[in-house]
N, C-alpha and C. Protein backbone atom coordinates (compact mmCIF):
# COMPACT_ATOMS: atom_id res chain seq x y z
N UNK A 1 0.87 -1.17 0.00
CA UNK A 1 0.00 0.00 0.00
C UNK A 1 0.91 1.23 0.00
N UNK A 2 0.61 2.18 -0.88
CA UNK A 2 1.39 3.42 -0.93
C UNK A 2 1.00 4.31 0.26
N UNK A 3 1.78 5.32 0.50
CA UNK A 3 1.46 6.26 1.59
C UNK A 3 0.13 6.97 1.34
N UNK A 4 -0.14 7.34 0.08
CA UNK A 4 -1.41 7.99 -0.24
C UNK A 4 -2.59 7.05 0.00
N UNK A 5 -2.44 5.79 -0.40
CA UNK A 5 -3.50 4.81 -0.15
C UNK A 5 -3.71 4.62 1.35
N UNK A 6 -2.60 4.53 2.08
CA UNK A 6 -2.71 4.37 3.53
C UNK A 6 -3.40 5.58 4.16
N UNK A 7 -3.05 6.78 3.70
CA UNK A 7 -3.68 8.00 4.23
C UNK A 7 -5.20 7.96 3.98
N UNK A 8 -5.61 7.52 2.80
CA UNK A 8 -7.05 7.41 2.50
C UNK A 8 -7.73 6.39 3.41
N UNK A 9 -7.07 5.26 3.62
CA UNK A 9 -7.62 4.23 4.52
C UNK A 9 -7.72 4.77 5.94
N UNK A 10 -6.68 5.47 6.39
CA UNK A 10 -6.68 6.04 7.73
C UNK A 10 -7.79 7.08 7.90
N UNK A 11 -7.99 7.92 6.91
CA UNK A 11 -9.06 8.92 7.00
C UNK A 11 -10.42 8.25 7.06
N UNK A 12 -10.63 7.23 6.26
CA UNK A 12 -11.89 6.48 6.29
C UNK A 12 -12.06 5.80 7.64
N UNK A 13 -11.00 5.22 8.16
CA UNK A 13 -11.01 4.58 9.48
C UNK A 13 -11.40 5.60 10.55
N UNK A 14 -10.83 6.78 10.49
CA UNK A 14 -11.09 7.81 11.49
C UNK A 14 -12.51 8.37 11.44
N UNK A 15 -13.11 8.42 10.25
CA UNK A 15 -14.46 8.99 10.12
C UNK A 15 -15.59 8.00 10.35
N UNK A 16 -15.31 6.74 10.43
CA UNK A 16 -16.36 5.72 10.51
C UNK A 16 -17.35 5.93 11.66
N UNK A 17 -16.92 6.30 12.87
CA UNK A 17 -17.91 6.52 13.93
C UNK A 17 -18.90 7.64 13.62
N UNK A 18 -18.44 8.67 12.92
CA UNK A 18 -19.34 9.77 12.53
C UNK A 18 -20.36 9.26 11.52
N UNK A 19 -19.91 8.45 10.57
CA UNK A 19 -20.84 7.87 9.58
C UNK A 19 -21.88 7.00 10.28
N UNK A 20 -21.43 6.21 11.25
CA UNK A 20 -22.36 5.36 12.00
C UNK A 20 -23.39 6.21 12.72
N UNK A 21 -22.96 7.23 13.42
CA UNK A 21 -23.90 8.10 14.14
C UNK A 21 -24.86 8.79 13.20
N UNK A 22 -24.36 9.22 12.05
CA UNK A 22 -25.21 9.90 11.07
C UNK A 22 -26.33 8.97 10.60
N UNK A 23 -25.99 7.74 10.29
CA UNK A 23 -27.01 6.77 9.86
C UNK A 23 -27.99 6.49 11.00
N UNK A 24 -27.48 6.27 12.19
CA UNK A 24 -28.35 5.94 13.31
C UNK A 24 -29.33 7.06 13.62
N UNK A 25 -28.92 8.31 13.45
CA UNK A 25 -29.81 9.44 13.73
C UNK A 25 -30.96 9.51 12.73
N UNK A 26 -30.82 8.83 11.60
CA UNK A 26 -31.88 8.82 10.59
C UNK A 26 -32.95 7.75 10.88
N UNK A 27 -32.67 6.89 11.83
CA UNK A 27 -33.55 5.75 12.09
C UNK A 27 -34.37 5.94 13.36
N UNK A 28 -35.62 5.50 13.35
CA UNK A 28 -36.41 5.58 14.58
C UNK A 28 -35.87 4.60 15.63
N UNK A 29 -35.66 5.09 16.83
CA UNK A 29 -35.13 4.24 17.91
C UNK A 29 -36.04 3.06 18.21
N UNK A 30 -37.34 3.23 17.95
CA UNK A 30 -38.28 2.15 18.26
C UNK A 30 -37.98 0.89 17.44
N UNK A 31 -37.20 1.01 16.38
CA UNK A 31 -36.92 -0.18 15.57
C UNK A 31 -35.54 -0.77 15.83
N UNK A 32 -34.78 -0.18 16.73
CA UNK A 32 -33.42 -0.66 16.99
C UNK A 32 -33.40 -2.07 17.58
N UNK A 33 -34.48 -2.52 18.19
CA UNK A 33 -34.53 -3.87 18.74
C UNK A 33 -35.09 -4.89 17.75
N UNK A 34 -35.52 -4.42 16.60
CA UNK A 34 -36.10 -5.30 15.58
C UNK A 34 -35.04 -6.26 15.04
N UNK A 35 -35.39 -7.56 15.04
CA UNK A 35 -34.52 -8.59 14.47
C UNK A 35 -35.21 -9.14 13.23
N UNK A 36 -34.60 -8.98 12.06
CA UNK A 36 -35.22 -9.48 10.84
C UNK A 36 -35.44 -11.00 10.86
N UNK A 37 -34.60 -11.70 11.59
CA UNK A 37 -34.73 -13.16 11.76
C UNK A 37 -33.96 -13.53 13.03
N UNK A 38 -34.25 -14.71 13.57
CA UNK A 38 -33.57 -15.10 14.83
C UNK A 38 -32.05 -15.15 14.72
N UNK A 39 -31.54 -15.40 13.52
CA UNK A 39 -30.09 -15.52 13.36
C UNK A 39 -29.40 -14.21 12.95
N UNK A 40 -30.15 -13.12 12.87
CA UNK A 40 -29.55 -11.82 12.56
C UNK A 40 -29.65 -10.90 13.76
N UNK A 41 -28.66 -10.03 13.90
CA UNK A 41 -28.63 -9.10 15.02
C UNK A 41 -29.54 -7.91 14.77
N UNK A 42 -30.07 -7.38 15.86
CA UNK A 42 -30.80 -6.11 15.82
C UNK A 42 -29.76 -4.99 15.72
N UNK A 43 -30.23 -3.79 15.43
CA UNK A 43 -29.33 -2.63 15.41
C UNK A 43 -28.71 -2.44 16.79
N UNK A 44 -29.50 -2.62 17.84
CA UNK A 44 -28.99 -2.52 19.21
C UNK A 44 -27.80 -3.48 19.40
N UNK A 45 -27.98 -4.72 18.98
CA UNK A 45 -26.91 -5.72 19.13
C UNK A 45 -25.69 -5.37 18.27
N UNK A 46 -25.92 -4.85 17.08
CA UNK A 46 -24.81 -4.45 16.22
C UNK A 46 -23.98 -3.36 16.90
N UNK A 47 -24.64 -2.40 17.50
CA UNK A 47 -23.93 -1.31 18.18
C UNK A 47 -23.08 -1.86 19.33
N UNK A 48 -23.64 -2.78 20.12
CA UNK A 48 -22.87 -3.36 21.23
C UNK A 48 -21.72 -4.21 20.72
N UNK A 49 -21.95 -4.93 19.63
CA UNK A 49 -20.87 -5.70 19.01
C UNK A 49 -19.74 -4.76 18.58
N UNK A 50 -20.11 -3.64 17.96
CA UNK A 50 -19.09 -2.70 17.50
C UNK A 50 -18.28 -2.14 18.67
N UNK A 51 -18.92 -1.90 19.80
CA UNK A 51 -18.18 -1.41 20.98
C UNK A 51 -17.20 -2.47 21.47
N UNK A 52 -17.65 -3.72 21.57
CA UNK A 52 -16.73 -4.79 22.00
C UNK A 52 -15.60 -4.97 20.99
N UNK A 53 -15.94 -4.94 19.72
CA UNK A 53 -14.94 -5.09 18.68
C UNK A 53 -13.94 -3.94 18.70
N UNK A 54 -14.44 -2.74 18.95
CA UNK A 54 -13.55 -1.57 19.00
C UNK A 54 -12.59 -1.67 20.19
N UNK A 55 -13.09 -2.16 21.32
CA UNK A 55 -12.22 -2.34 22.49
C UNK A 55 -11.14 -3.38 22.18
N UNK A 56 -11.53 -4.44 21.53
CA UNK A 56 -10.57 -5.48 21.16
C UNK A 56 -9.56 -4.93 20.14
N UNK A 57 -10.03 -4.16 19.19
CA UNK A 57 -9.15 -3.57 18.18
C UNK A 57 -8.17 -2.58 18.79
N UNK A 58 -8.65 -1.82 19.76
CA UNK A 58 -7.81 -0.86 20.47
C UNK A 58 -6.59 -1.59 21.05
N UNK A 59 -6.84 -2.73 21.69
CA UNK A 59 -5.74 -3.52 22.28
C UNK A 59 -4.87 -4.18 21.21
N UNK A 60 -5.51 -4.72 20.19
CA UNK A 60 -4.78 -5.41 19.13
C UNK A 60 -3.80 -4.45 18.45
N UNK A 61 -4.24 -3.25 18.16
CA UNK A 61 -3.38 -2.26 17.52
C UNK A 61 -2.16 -1.96 18.40
N UNK A 62 -2.39 -1.82 19.66
CA UNK A 62 -1.29 -1.51 20.57
C UNK A 62 -0.32 -2.69 20.70
N UNK A 63 -0.86 -3.92 20.65
CA UNK A 63 0.02 -5.10 20.62
C UNK A 63 0.88 -5.09 19.36
N UNK A 64 0.26 -4.78 18.23
CA UNK A 64 1.01 -4.72 16.97
C UNK A 64 2.16 -3.72 17.05
N UNK A 65 1.93 -2.61 17.70
CA UNK A 65 2.95 -1.56 17.79
C UNK A 65 4.01 -1.90 18.84
N UNK A 66 3.56 -2.28 20.04
CA UNK A 66 4.48 -2.44 21.17
C UNK A 66 5.02 -3.86 21.34
N UNK A 67 4.26 -4.87 20.93
CA UNK A 67 4.67 -6.26 21.13
C UNK A 67 4.48 -7.09 19.87
N UNK A 68 5.11 -6.71 18.78
CA UNK A 68 4.91 -7.48 17.55
C UNK A 68 5.32 -8.94 17.76
N UNK A 69 4.65 -9.82 17.01
CA UNK A 69 4.98 -11.24 17.07
C UNK A 69 4.11 -12.06 18.00
N UNK A 70 3.34 -11.43 18.88
CA UNK A 70 2.53 -12.21 19.80
C UNK A 70 1.31 -12.79 19.09
N UNK A 71 0.67 -13.74 19.73
CA UNK A 71 -0.58 -14.32 19.23
C UNK A 71 -1.72 -13.71 20.04
N UNK A 72 -2.69 -13.15 19.36
CA UNK A 72 -3.84 -12.57 20.06
C UNK A 72 -4.89 -13.65 20.28
N UNK A 73 -5.68 -13.54 21.34
CA UNK A 73 -6.71 -14.55 21.60
C UNK A 73 -7.83 -14.48 20.56
N UNK A 74 -8.49 -15.62 20.39
CA UNK A 74 -9.61 -15.72 19.46
C UNK A 74 -10.79 -14.89 19.97
N UNK A 75 -11.68 -14.53 19.08
CA UNK A 75 -12.84 -13.70 19.39
C UNK A 75 -14.03 -14.29 18.66
N UNK A 76 -15.05 -14.69 19.41
CA UNK A 76 -16.27 -15.25 18.82
C UNK A 76 -17.40 -14.25 19.05
N UNK A 77 -17.67 -13.37 18.06
CA UNK A 77 -18.68 -12.33 18.24
C UNK A 77 -20.06 -12.87 18.61
N UNK A 78 -20.46 -13.99 18.04
CA UNK A 78 -21.78 -14.56 18.35
C UNK A 78 -21.85 -15.00 19.81
N UNK A 79 -20.78 -15.59 20.31
CA UNK A 79 -20.76 -16.02 21.71
C UNK A 79 -20.80 -14.81 22.64
N UNK A 80 -20.06 -13.77 22.28
CA UNK A 80 -20.07 -12.55 23.10
C UNK A 80 -21.47 -11.96 23.13
N UNK A 81 -22.12 -11.88 21.98
CA UNK A 81 -23.47 -11.31 21.91
C UNK A 81 -24.45 -12.13 22.75
N UNK A 82 -24.30 -13.45 22.70
CA UNK A 82 -25.23 -14.33 23.41
C UNK A 82 -25.01 -14.32 24.92
N UNK A 83 -23.78 -14.14 25.36
CA UNK A 83 -23.48 -14.28 26.79
C UNK A 83 -23.29 -12.96 27.54
N UNK A 84 -23.10 -11.87 26.84
CA UNK A 84 -22.83 -10.60 27.51
C UNK A 84 -24.05 -9.72 27.70
N UNK A 85 -25.22 -10.23 27.36
CA UNK A 85 -26.44 -9.47 27.62
C UNK A 85 -26.51 -8.16 26.86
N UNK A 86 -26.23 -8.19 25.57
CA UNK A 86 -26.24 -6.98 24.76
C UNK A 86 -27.53 -6.18 24.89
N UNK A 87 -28.65 -6.87 24.96
CA UNK A 87 -29.93 -6.16 25.00
C UNK A 87 -30.14 -5.38 26.29
N UNK A 88 -29.32 -5.65 27.29
CA UNK A 88 -29.45 -4.96 28.58
C UNK A 88 -28.38 -3.89 28.76
N UNK A 89 -27.62 -3.60 27.70
CA UNK A 89 -26.57 -2.60 27.78
C UNK A 89 -26.97 -1.35 27.00
N UNK A 90 -26.36 -0.26 27.34
CA UNK A 90 -26.69 1.05 26.77
C UNK A 90 -26.03 1.27 25.40
N UNK A 91 -26.85 1.56 24.40
CA UNK A 91 -26.30 1.90 23.08
C UNK A 91 -25.60 3.27 23.13
N UNK A 92 -26.11 4.17 23.93
CA UNK A 92 -25.48 5.49 24.06
C UNK A 92 -24.05 5.34 24.56
N UNK A 93 -23.86 4.54 25.60
CA UNK A 93 -22.52 4.33 26.13
C UNK A 93 -21.65 3.56 25.14
N UNK A 94 -22.23 2.59 24.46
CA UNK A 94 -21.48 1.82 23.46
C UNK A 94 -21.00 2.73 22.33
N UNK A 95 -21.85 3.63 21.87
CA UNK A 95 -21.44 4.56 20.81
C UNK A 95 -20.33 5.48 21.28
N UNK A 96 -20.37 5.86 22.53
CA UNK A 96 -19.30 6.70 23.09
C UNK A 96 -17.98 5.93 23.15
N UNK A 97 -18.05 4.64 23.51
CA UNK A 97 -16.85 3.80 23.52
C UNK A 97 -16.26 3.72 22.11
N UNK A 98 -17.11 3.48 21.13
CA UNK A 98 -16.66 3.38 19.74
C UNK A 98 -15.98 4.68 19.33
N UNK A 99 -16.64 5.79 19.58
CA UNK A 99 -16.11 7.09 19.18
C UNK A 99 -14.76 7.39 19.84
N UNK A 100 -14.69 7.20 21.15
CA UNK A 100 -13.45 7.55 21.86
C UNK A 100 -12.29 6.61 21.53
N UNK A 101 -12.56 5.32 21.50
CA UNK A 101 -11.47 4.37 21.22
C UNK A 101 -10.97 4.53 19.79
N UNK A 102 -11.90 4.74 18.86
CA UNK A 102 -11.48 4.93 17.47
C UNK A 102 -10.64 6.20 17.35
N UNK A 103 -11.05 7.27 18.02
CA UNK A 103 -10.29 8.52 17.96
C UNK A 103 -8.88 8.32 18.54
N UNK A 104 -8.79 7.62 19.67
CA UNK A 104 -7.47 7.40 20.28
C UNK A 104 -6.58 6.54 19.38
N UNK A 105 -7.16 5.50 18.79
CA UNK A 105 -6.37 4.64 17.90
C UNK A 105 -5.94 5.41 16.66
N UNK A 106 -6.86 6.16 16.08
CA UNK A 106 -6.53 6.97 14.90
C UNK A 106 -5.40 7.95 15.23
N UNK A 107 -5.50 8.65 16.35
CA UNK A 107 -4.48 9.63 16.74
C UNK A 107 -3.11 8.97 16.91
N UNK A 108 -3.11 7.74 17.38
CA UNK A 108 -1.86 7.02 17.57
C UNK A 108 -1.25 6.60 16.23
N UNK A 109 -2.05 6.00 15.37
CA UNK A 109 -1.47 5.39 14.17
C UNK A 109 -1.14 6.37 13.05
N UNK A 110 -1.76 7.54 13.04
CA UNK A 110 -1.42 8.48 11.97
C UNK A 110 0.00 9.02 12.11
N UNK A 111 0.60 8.88 13.27
CA UNK A 111 1.94 9.42 13.52
C UNK A 111 3.03 8.34 13.54
N UNK A 112 2.68 7.12 13.20
CA UNK A 112 3.66 6.04 13.30
C UNK A 112 4.74 6.13 12.23
N UNK A 113 5.97 5.77 12.59
CA UNK A 113 7.03 5.72 11.58
C UNK A 113 6.78 4.56 10.60
N UNK A 114 7.31 4.66 9.43
CA UNK A 114 7.09 3.69 8.36
C UNK A 114 7.41 2.26 8.78
N UNK A 115 8.48 2.08 9.50
CA UNK A 115 8.92 0.74 9.90
C UNK A 115 7.86 -0.01 10.74
N UNK A 116 7.11 0.70 11.55
CA UNK A 116 6.12 0.07 12.43
C UNK A 116 5.00 -0.58 11.62
N UNK A 117 4.72 -0.06 10.43
CA UNK A 117 3.65 -0.62 9.60
C UNK A 117 3.95 -2.05 9.17
N UNK A 118 5.20 -2.49 9.33
CA UNK A 118 5.59 -3.85 8.97
C UNK A 118 5.46 -4.83 10.14
N UNK A 119 5.21 -4.31 11.34
CA UNK A 119 5.04 -5.18 12.51
C UNK A 119 3.91 -6.17 12.25
N UNK A 120 4.06 -7.37 12.80
CA UNK A 120 3.04 -8.40 12.62
C UNK A 120 2.70 -9.03 13.97
N UNK A 121 1.56 -9.70 13.97
CA UNK A 121 1.19 -10.57 15.08
C UNK A 121 0.48 -11.78 14.48
N UNK A 122 0.24 -12.76 15.31
CA UNK A 122 -0.43 -13.98 14.87
C UNK A 122 -1.91 -13.86 15.19
N UNK A 123 -2.72 -13.91 14.15
CA UNK A 123 -4.18 -13.82 14.28
C UNK A 123 -4.74 -15.25 14.21
N UNK A 124 -5.69 -15.61 15.10
CA UNK A 124 -6.20 -16.99 15.13
C UNK A 124 -6.77 -17.48 13.80
N UNK A 125 -7.49 -16.66 13.06
CA UNK A 125 -8.07 -17.10 11.79
C UNK A 125 -7.24 -16.72 10.58
N UNK A 126 -6.51 -15.64 10.64
CA UNK A 126 -5.82 -15.12 9.46
C UNK A 126 -4.33 -15.40 9.42
N UNK A 127 -3.82 -16.00 10.48
CA UNK A 127 -2.37 -16.23 10.52
C UNK A 127 -1.63 -14.95 10.80
N UNK A 128 -0.46 -14.81 10.19
CA UNK A 128 0.36 -13.62 10.42
C UNK A 128 -0.29 -12.43 9.73
N UNK A 129 -0.47 -11.34 10.49
CA UNK A 129 -1.11 -10.14 9.94
C UNK A 129 -0.28 -8.92 10.33
N UNK A 130 -0.03 -8.06 9.36
CA UNK A 130 0.75 -6.84 9.62
C UNK A 130 -0.19 -5.72 10.08
N UNK A 131 0.40 -4.69 10.63
CA UNK A 131 -0.38 -3.51 11.03
C UNK A 131 -1.07 -2.92 9.80
N UNK A 132 -0.39 -2.93 8.68
CA UNK A 132 -0.98 -2.40 7.45
C UNK A 132 -2.21 -3.20 7.04
N UNK A 133 -2.13 -4.51 7.10
CA UNK A 133 -3.28 -5.36 6.75
C UNK A 133 -4.39 -5.21 7.81
N UNK A 134 -3.99 -5.08 9.06
CA UNK A 134 -4.97 -4.91 10.14
C UNK A 134 -5.80 -3.64 9.93
N UNK A 135 -5.15 -2.53 9.58
CA UNK A 135 -5.89 -1.28 9.41
C UNK A 135 -6.84 -1.38 8.22
N UNK A 136 -6.46 -2.09 7.18
CA UNK A 136 -7.36 -2.27 6.04
C UNK A 136 -8.62 -3.03 6.45
N UNK A 137 -8.47 -4.05 7.27
CA UNK A 137 -9.64 -4.80 7.77
C UNK A 137 -10.50 -3.93 8.68
N UNK A 138 -9.86 -3.21 9.58
CA UNK A 138 -10.61 -2.39 10.53
C UNK A 138 -11.34 -1.24 9.84
N UNK A 139 -10.76 -0.71 8.81
CA UNK A 139 -11.38 0.39 8.07
C UNK A 139 -12.72 -0.05 7.48
N UNK A 140 -12.86 -1.31 7.12
CA UNK A 140 -14.09 -1.82 6.51
C UNK A 140 -15.11 -2.32 7.53
N UNK A 141 -14.74 -2.46 8.79
CA UNK A 141 -15.62 -3.09 9.77
C UNK A 141 -16.90 -2.30 10.05
N UNK A 142 -16.78 -1.04 10.43
CA UNK A 142 -17.97 -0.24 10.72
C UNK A 142 -18.83 -0.05 9.46
N UNK A 143 -18.25 0.28 8.29
CA UNK A 143 -19.10 0.37 7.10
C UNK A 143 -19.85 -0.92 6.78
N UNK A 144 -19.23 -2.06 7.02
CA UNK A 144 -19.91 -3.35 6.82
C UNK A 144 -21.17 -3.42 7.71
N UNK A 145 -21.02 -3.01 8.96
CA UNK A 145 -22.17 -3.07 9.87
C UNK A 145 -23.18 -1.96 9.58
N UNK A 146 -22.74 -0.85 9.02
CA UNK A 146 -23.68 0.18 8.57
C UNK A 146 -24.58 -0.42 7.48
N UNK A 147 -23.99 -1.20 6.59
CA UNK A 147 -24.80 -1.88 5.56
C UNK A 147 -25.81 -2.82 6.19
N UNK A 148 -25.41 -3.55 7.23
CA UNK A 148 -26.35 -4.43 7.95
C UNK A 148 -27.48 -3.62 8.58
N UNK A 149 -27.14 -2.50 9.17
CA UNK A 149 -28.13 -1.64 9.81
C UNK A 149 -29.14 -1.16 8.77
N UNK A 150 -28.65 -0.73 7.62
CA UNK A 150 -29.55 -0.28 6.55
C UNK A 150 -30.44 -1.42 6.07
N UNK A 151 -29.90 -2.62 6.00
CA UNK A 151 -30.70 -3.78 5.60
C UNK A 151 -31.78 -4.05 6.64
N UNK A 152 -31.43 -3.97 7.92
CA UNK A 152 -32.43 -4.15 8.98
C UNK A 152 -33.54 -3.11 8.86
N UNK A 153 -33.15 -1.88 8.58
CA UNK A 153 -34.14 -0.82 8.44
C UNK A 153 -35.06 -1.10 7.25
N UNK A 154 -34.48 -1.51 6.14
CA UNK A 154 -35.30 -1.85 4.98
C UNK A 154 -36.26 -2.99 5.27
N UNK A 155 -35.78 -4.00 5.98
CA UNK A 155 -36.65 -5.13 6.37
C UNK A 155 -37.76 -4.65 7.31
N UNK A 156 -37.40 -3.80 8.26
CA UNK A 156 -38.38 -3.28 9.21
C UNK A 156 -39.44 -2.46 8.48
N UNK A 157 -39.01 -1.63 7.52
CA UNK A 157 -39.96 -0.83 6.75
C UNK A 157 -40.95 -1.71 6.00
N UNK A 158 -40.49 -2.88 5.57
CA UNK A 158 -41.38 -3.81 4.87
C UNK A 158 -42.52 -4.30 5.75
N UNK A 159 -42.29 -4.34 7.05
CA UNK A 159 -43.34 -4.80 7.97
C UNK A 159 -43.97 -3.65 8.75
N UNK A 160 -43.36 -2.47 8.70
CA UNK A 160 -43.85 -1.28 9.39
C UNK A 160 -43.78 -0.08 8.46
N UNK A 161 -44.63 0.00 7.44
CA UNK A 161 -44.54 1.13 6.51
C UNK A 161 -44.66 2.46 7.24
N UNK A 162 -43.92 3.47 6.78
CA UNK A 162 -43.97 4.78 7.45
C UNK A 162 -45.35 5.41 7.33
N UNK A 163 -45.76 6.07 8.39
CA UNK A 163 -47.03 6.80 8.40
C UNK A 163 -46.80 8.19 7.85
N UNK A 164 -47.85 8.74 7.27
CA UNK A 164 -47.75 10.13 6.83
C UNK A 164 -47.74 11.01 8.07
N UNK A 165 -46.89 12.02 8.04
CA UNK A 165 -46.74 12.90 9.20
C UNK A 165 -47.04 14.33 8.80
N UNK A 166 -47.68 15.05 9.71
CA UNK A 166 -47.99 16.46 9.44
C UNK A 166 -46.73 17.30 9.39
N UNK A 167 -45.67 16.88 10.10
CA UNK A 167 -44.45 17.68 10.14
C UNK A 167 -43.50 17.33 9.00
N UNK A 168 -43.73 16.20 8.33
CA UNK A 168 -42.85 15.77 7.27
C UNK A 168 -43.56 15.97 5.94
N UNK A 169 -42.93 16.66 4.98
CA UNK A 169 -43.59 16.86 3.69
C UNK A 169 -43.89 15.53 3.01
N UNK A 170 -44.98 15.47 2.27
CA UNK A 170 -45.36 14.28 1.53
C UNK A 170 -44.20 13.86 0.63
N UNK A 171 -43.94 12.56 0.60
CA UNK A 171 -42.88 12.06 -0.28
C UNK A 171 -41.49 12.13 0.30
N UNK A 172 -41.34 12.51 1.58
CA UNK A 172 -39.99 12.54 2.14
C UNK A 172 -39.93 11.77 3.46
N UNK A 173 -40.32 10.48 3.44
CA UNK A 173 -40.23 9.68 4.66
C UNK A 173 -38.77 9.45 5.03
N UNK A 174 -38.57 8.96 6.23
CA UNK A 174 -37.21 8.67 6.69
C UNK A 174 -36.46 7.80 5.70
N UNK A 175 -37.17 6.88 5.05
CA UNK A 175 -36.49 5.98 4.11
C UNK A 175 -35.86 6.76 2.97
N UNK A 176 -36.49 7.83 2.49
CA UNK A 176 -35.91 8.65 1.43
C UNK A 176 -34.65 9.33 1.92
N UNK A 177 -34.69 9.83 3.16
CA UNK A 177 -33.48 10.47 3.72
C UNK A 177 -32.36 9.46 3.85
N UNK A 178 -32.68 8.22 4.26
CA UNK A 178 -31.67 7.19 4.42
C UNK A 178 -31.11 6.80 3.07
N UNK A 179 -31.96 6.69 2.04
CA UNK A 179 -31.49 6.36 0.72
C UNK A 179 -30.56 7.45 0.20
N UNK A 180 -30.94 8.72 0.40
CA UNK A 180 -30.06 9.80 -0.06
C UNK A 180 -28.77 9.81 0.75
N UNK A 181 -28.86 9.48 2.03
CA UNK A 181 -27.66 9.40 2.86
C UNK A 181 -26.76 8.28 2.34
N UNK A 182 -27.34 7.15 1.95
CA UNK A 182 -26.56 6.05 1.41
C UNK A 182 -25.79 6.49 0.18
N UNK A 183 -26.43 7.25 -0.69
CA UNK A 183 -25.77 7.72 -1.90
C UNK A 183 -24.60 8.64 -1.55
N UNK A 184 -24.75 9.48 -0.52
CA UNK A 184 -23.67 10.37 -0.12
C UNK A 184 -22.48 9.61 0.44
N UNK A 185 -22.74 8.50 1.12
CA UNK A 185 -21.65 7.74 1.75
C UNK A 185 -20.84 6.94 0.74
N UNK A 186 -21.42 6.64 -0.41
CA UNK A 186 -20.71 5.80 -1.40
C UNK A 186 -19.74 6.60 -2.22
């Protein structure tokens, strides 16, 4: 990856929490617990997963920088979701964790010397992974879940069509705003 490509990945990585918040503000909170099927997460669960994942990533990044070569423990997101009581945790606090940890990690890695980008660690599923490869994966993580959130919203709209509102002009339901927001993010 060239320095310009890395800079673009880093900027995308740094902005992801803002994109997540922007999308979430477009959605009615009453649907955040909606599960399209038993095997898919609700928006609430996705947010809690992202907080746990961000905490894990925060540590992984620091291991890559300070202790290259170590093996990081495995992470089973489904097991964490099932056993950590995601539905009983605060999405507001989870979003704050995501925002703060991502900002701290971004602030750390944008100043790293070139040599550190070659540091590696042993990942349980991916084998040896460099800091450069790690940041590429992390940069895509929140956008991937934003896509899931949008899919959940679309599924929810299919079973809960929007009502006409006196405060909202005809033809501009939340779904239209979300669709236009999707176009801006691409």
